[in-house]
């Protein structure tokens, strides 16, 4: 029964991850690309030469320049959110991740992770947040929920995906002002009160 529940949890969570990947915005895609290139990516916005342009159909040329405009706009949105710094050189742009950008990429990688832990194992995040940091606590809980974690208790959340290392990196880089523990292990028993749904 417990193994069937775990399988159902994995299936549901994987569907959520697939949906998140499908729903990614262009800005999120570009953030992932910049991360892939080691935190810096040069984007060339050059017009094709006349000989290349002559080979392009009008519709192809229009689609090409529309795509460039969309990428530039997405990049400017990332800059406005202070996730990247941009340097211009003629028609070329170089985008470099800021610290906030690195945090955003790590959060995105945790959201998108599809690598499962061995059957029966969980990555558990437990945190202790002072009352005066309620807003940050709520934001952190919201992030865990969006990332596919399920709540075991108010400040204890669990997932069946292998995000432990990324969570540790995120905690170190983001500098959360409260204690957070990341644990990987087996959930031996989960008791529920009568009328309460099992997670």
Protein backbone atom coordinates (compact mmCIF):
# COMPACT_ATOMS: atom_id res chain seq x y z
CA UNK A 1 0.00 0.00 0.00
CA UNK A 2 2.78 2.39 0.99
CA UNK A 3 4.80 1.57 -2.16
CA UNK A 4 1.70 2.18 -4.30
CA UNK A 5 1.25 5.57 -2.63
CA UNK A 6 4.89 6.44 -3.32
CA UNK A 7 4.46 5.46 -6.99
CA UNK A 8 1.33 7.62 -7.22
CA UNK A 9 3.19 10.53 -5.60
CA UNK A 10 6.07 10.16 -8.06
CA UNK A 11 3.69 10.02 -11.03
CA UNK A 12 1.74 13.10 -9.91
CA UNK A 13 4.90 15.08 -9.14
CA UNK A 14 6.49 14.11 -12.48
CA UNK A 15 3.37 15.35 -14.30
CA UNK A 16 3.67 18.66 -12.45
CA UNK A 17 7.35 18.95 -13.43
CA UNK A 18 6.54 18.22 -17.09
CA UNK A 19 3.83 20.89 -16.99
CA UNK A 20 6.25 23.42 -15.48
CA UNK A 21 8.80 22.69 -18.23
CA UNK A 22 6.12 23.17 -20.88
CA UNK A 23 4.97 26.43 -19.29
CA UNK A 24 8.43 27.99 -19.15
CA UNK A 25 8.59 31.57 -20.39
CA UNK A 26 11.22 32.73 -22.88
CA UNK A 27 12.95 34.65 -20.08
CA UNK A 28 13.19 31.44 -18.01
CA UNK A 29 14.56 29.57 -21.03
CA UNK A 30 17.20 32.26 -21.54
CA UNK A 31 18.13 32.16 -17.86
CA UNK A 32 18.67 28.40 -18.18
CA UNK A 33 20.79 28.92 -21.33
CA UNK A 34 22.95 31.56 -19.64
CA UNK A 35 23.50 29.15 -16.75
CA UNK A 36 24.43 26.38 -19.21
CA UNK A 37 27.18 28.59 -20.59
CA UNK A 38 28.76 28.98 -17.17
CA UNK A 39 26.90 32.10 -16.10
CA UNK A 40 27.83 34.16 -19.17
CA UNK A 41 26.52 34.07 -22.70
CA UNK A 42 27.24 36.27 -25.69
CA UNK A 43 24.18 36.87 -27.82
CA UNK A 44 24.82 38.12 -31.31
CA UNK A 45 22.15 40.32 -32.79
CA UNK A 46 23.65 40.78 -36.22
CA UNK A 47 21.77 41.13 -39.45
CA UNK A 48 22.48 38.34 -41.93
CA UNK A 49 24.61 39.29 -44.92
CA UNK A 50 22.86 40.36 -48.14
CA UNK A 51 23.69 37.01 -49.79
CA UNK A 52 22.11 35.09 -46.90
CA UNK A 53 19.14 37.48 -46.82
CA UNK A 54 18.56 36.88 -50.56
CA UNK A 55 18.23 33.15 -49.85
CA UNK A 56 15.65 33.73 -47.10
CA UNK A 57 11.97 33.89 -47.89
CA UNK A 58 10.21 37.05 -46.66
CA UNK A 59 8.40 35.00 -44.02
CA UNK A 60 11.67 33.40 -42.84
CA UNK A 61 13.33 36.82 -42.52
CA UNK A 62 10.35 38.20 -40.61
CA UNK A 63 10.33 35.21 -38.23
CA UNK A 64 14.10 35.54 -37.72
CA UNK A 65 13.93 39.22 -36.72
CA UNK A 66 10.80 38.65 -34.59
CA UNK A 67 12.68 35.94 -32.67
CA UNK A 68 15.61 38.31 -32.11
CA UNK A 69 13.27 41.03 -30.81
CA UNK A 70 11.57 38.59 -28.44
CA UNK A 71 14.95 37.42 -27.09
CA UNK A 72 16.10 40.98 -26.55
CA UNK A 73 12.87 41.84 -24.73
CA UNK A 74 13.20 38.73 -22.54
CA UNK A 75 16.81 39.66 -21.78
CA UNK A 76 15.78 43.18 -20.81
CA UNK A 77 13.13 41.74 -18.47
CA UNK A 78 15.86 39.67 -16.79
CA UNK A 79 18.01 42.80 -16.50
CA UNK A 80 15.11 44.76 -14.99
CA UNK A 81 14.71 42.02 -12.35
CA UNK A 82 18.51 42.32 -11.71
CA UNK A 83 19.09 38.67 -12.65
CA UNK A 84 21.61 39.52 -15.38
CA UNK A 85 24.03 42.29 -16.24
CA UNK A 86 24.33 43.17 -19.92
CA UNK A 87 27.28 44.62 -21.81
CA UNK A 88 26.88 45.89 -25.35
CA UNK A 89 29.48 45.79 -28.10
CA UNK A 90 28.04 46.97 -31.39
CA UNK A 91 25.17 44.61 -32.18
CA UNK A 92 26.42 42.01 -29.70
CA UNK A 93 25.14 41.61 -26.17
CA UNK A 94 26.84 39.68 -23.39
CA UNK A 95 24.62 38.57 -20.53
CA UNK A 96 26.21 37.60 -17.20
CA UNK A 97 24.30 36.17 -14.24
CA UNK A 98 24.24 38.25 -11.05
CA UNK A 99 24.11 36.56 -7.63
CA UNK A 100 20.32 36.92 -7.72
CA UNK A 101 20.44 35.34 -11.20
CA UNK A 102 22.37 32.35 -9.86
CA UNK A 103 19.78 31.96 -7.09
CA UNK A 104 16.97 32.14 -9.66
CA UNK A 105 18.69 29.48 -11.81
CA UNK A 106 19.11 27.14 -8.82
CA UNK A 107 15.45 27.59 -7.89
CA UNK A 108 14.51 26.84 -11.50
CA UNK A 109 16.71 23.72 -11.59
CA UNK A 110 15.06 22.46 -8.39
CA UNK A 111 11.64 23.14 -9.94
CA UNK A 112 12.58 21.28 -13.11
CA UNK A 113 14.40 18.30 -11.57
CA UNK A 114 13.07 14.96 -12.82
CA UNK A 115 15.76 12.68 -11.35
CA UNK A 116 14.05 10.41 -8.80
CA UNK A 117 15.63 9.20 -5.59
CA UNK A 118 15.75 5.41 -5.04
CA UNK A 119 12.35 3.99 -4.15
CA UNK A 120 11.49 4.70 -0.53
CA UNK A 121 13.97 7.58 -0.16
CA UNK A 122 13.02 11.21 0.31
CA UNK A 123 14.76 14.57 0.37
CA UNK A 124 13.45 16.33 3.46
CA UNK A 125 13.79 20.06 4.15
CA UNK A 126 13.20 21.22 7.73
CA UNK A 127 13.47 24.84 8.80
CA UNK A 128 13.18 26.95 11.92
CA UNK A 129 12.06 30.49 11.21
CA UNK A 130 11.55 33.22 13.80
CA UNK A 131 8.13 34.86 13.98
CA UNK A 132 9.50 38.23 12.78
CA UNK A 133 10.59 36.60 9.47
CA UNK A 134 7.05 35.43 8.63
CA UNK A 135 7.10 36.84 5.08
CA UNK A 136 10.34 35.01 4.24
CA UNK A 137 8.96 31.83 5.79
CA UNK A 138 5.82 32.05 3.66
CA UNK A 139 7.88 32.71 0.52
CA UNK A 140 10.12 29.73 1.28
CA UNK A 141 7.11 27.47 1.85
CA UNK A 142 5.57 28.70 -1.41
CA UNK A 143 8.80 27.90 -3.26
CA UNK A 144 8.90 24.36 -1.80
CA UNK A 145 5.28 23.78 -2.78
CA UNK A 146 5.89 25.01 -6.34
CA UNK A 147 8.98 22.79 -6.54
CA UNK A 148 6.86 19.68 -5.88
CA UNK A 149 7.56 19.22 -2.18
CA UNK A 150 4.74 17.95 0.04
CA UNK A 151 4.21 19.18 3.57
CA UNK A 152 4.81 16.63 6.33
CA UNK A 153 4.45 19.29 9.03
CA UNK A 154 4.33 23.10 8.85
CA UNK A 155 8.11 23.43 8.70
CA UNK A 156 9.00 19.98 7.33
CA UNK A 157 8.64 19.29 3.61
CA UNK A 158 9.50 16.25 1.51
CA UNK A 159 10.08 15.29 -2.15
CA UNK A 160 10.93 12.06 -3.96
CA UNK A 161 13.28 13.87 -6.38
CA UNK A 162 17.06 14.13 -6.00
CA UNK A 163 17.36 17.85 -5.25
CA UNK A 164 19.40 17.68 -2.02
CA UNK A 165 22.69 19.01 -3.43
CA UNK A 166 20.91 21.81 -5.28
CA UNK A 167 18.96 22.74 -2.15
CA UNK A 168 22.23 22.98 -0.19
CA UNK A 169 23.74 25.22 -2.89
CA UNK A 170 20.62 27.38 -2.93
CA UNK A 171 20.61 27.80 0.87
CA UNK A 172 24.29 28.78 0.85
CA UNK A 173 23.96 31.21 -2.06
CA UNK A 174 20.64 32.79 -1.07
CA UNK A 175 21.77 33.42 2.51
CA UNK A 176 18.38 32.75 4.11
CA UNK A 177 18.27 34.36 7.58
CA UNK A 178 17.00 31.21 9.31
CA UNK A 179 18.11 27.65 9.99
CA UNK A 180 17.40 25.10 7.25
CA UNK A 181 18.29 21.41 7.33
CA UNK A 182 18.39 19.22 4.21
CA UNK A 183 18.11 15.50 4.93
CA UNK A 184 18.10 12.53 2.60
CA UNK A 185 16.72 9.26 3.90
CA UNK A 186 13.78 6.90 4.26
CA UNK A 187 10.46 7.94 5.68
CA UNK A 188 9.78 4.97 7.96
CA UNK A 189 6.29 5.85 9.10
CA UNK A 190 3.73 8.52 8.49
CA UNK A 191 0.79 8.61 10.85
CA UNK A 192 -2.31 10.70 10.15
CA UNK A 193 -5.11 11.80 12.41
CA UNK A 194 -8.61 10.46 11.70
CA UNK A 195 -10.17 12.39 8.83
CA UNK A 196 -6.81 13.81 7.74
CA UNK A 197 -5.59 12.99 4.25
CA UNK A 198 -2.28 11.19 3.89
CA UNK A 199 0.32 13.09 1.81
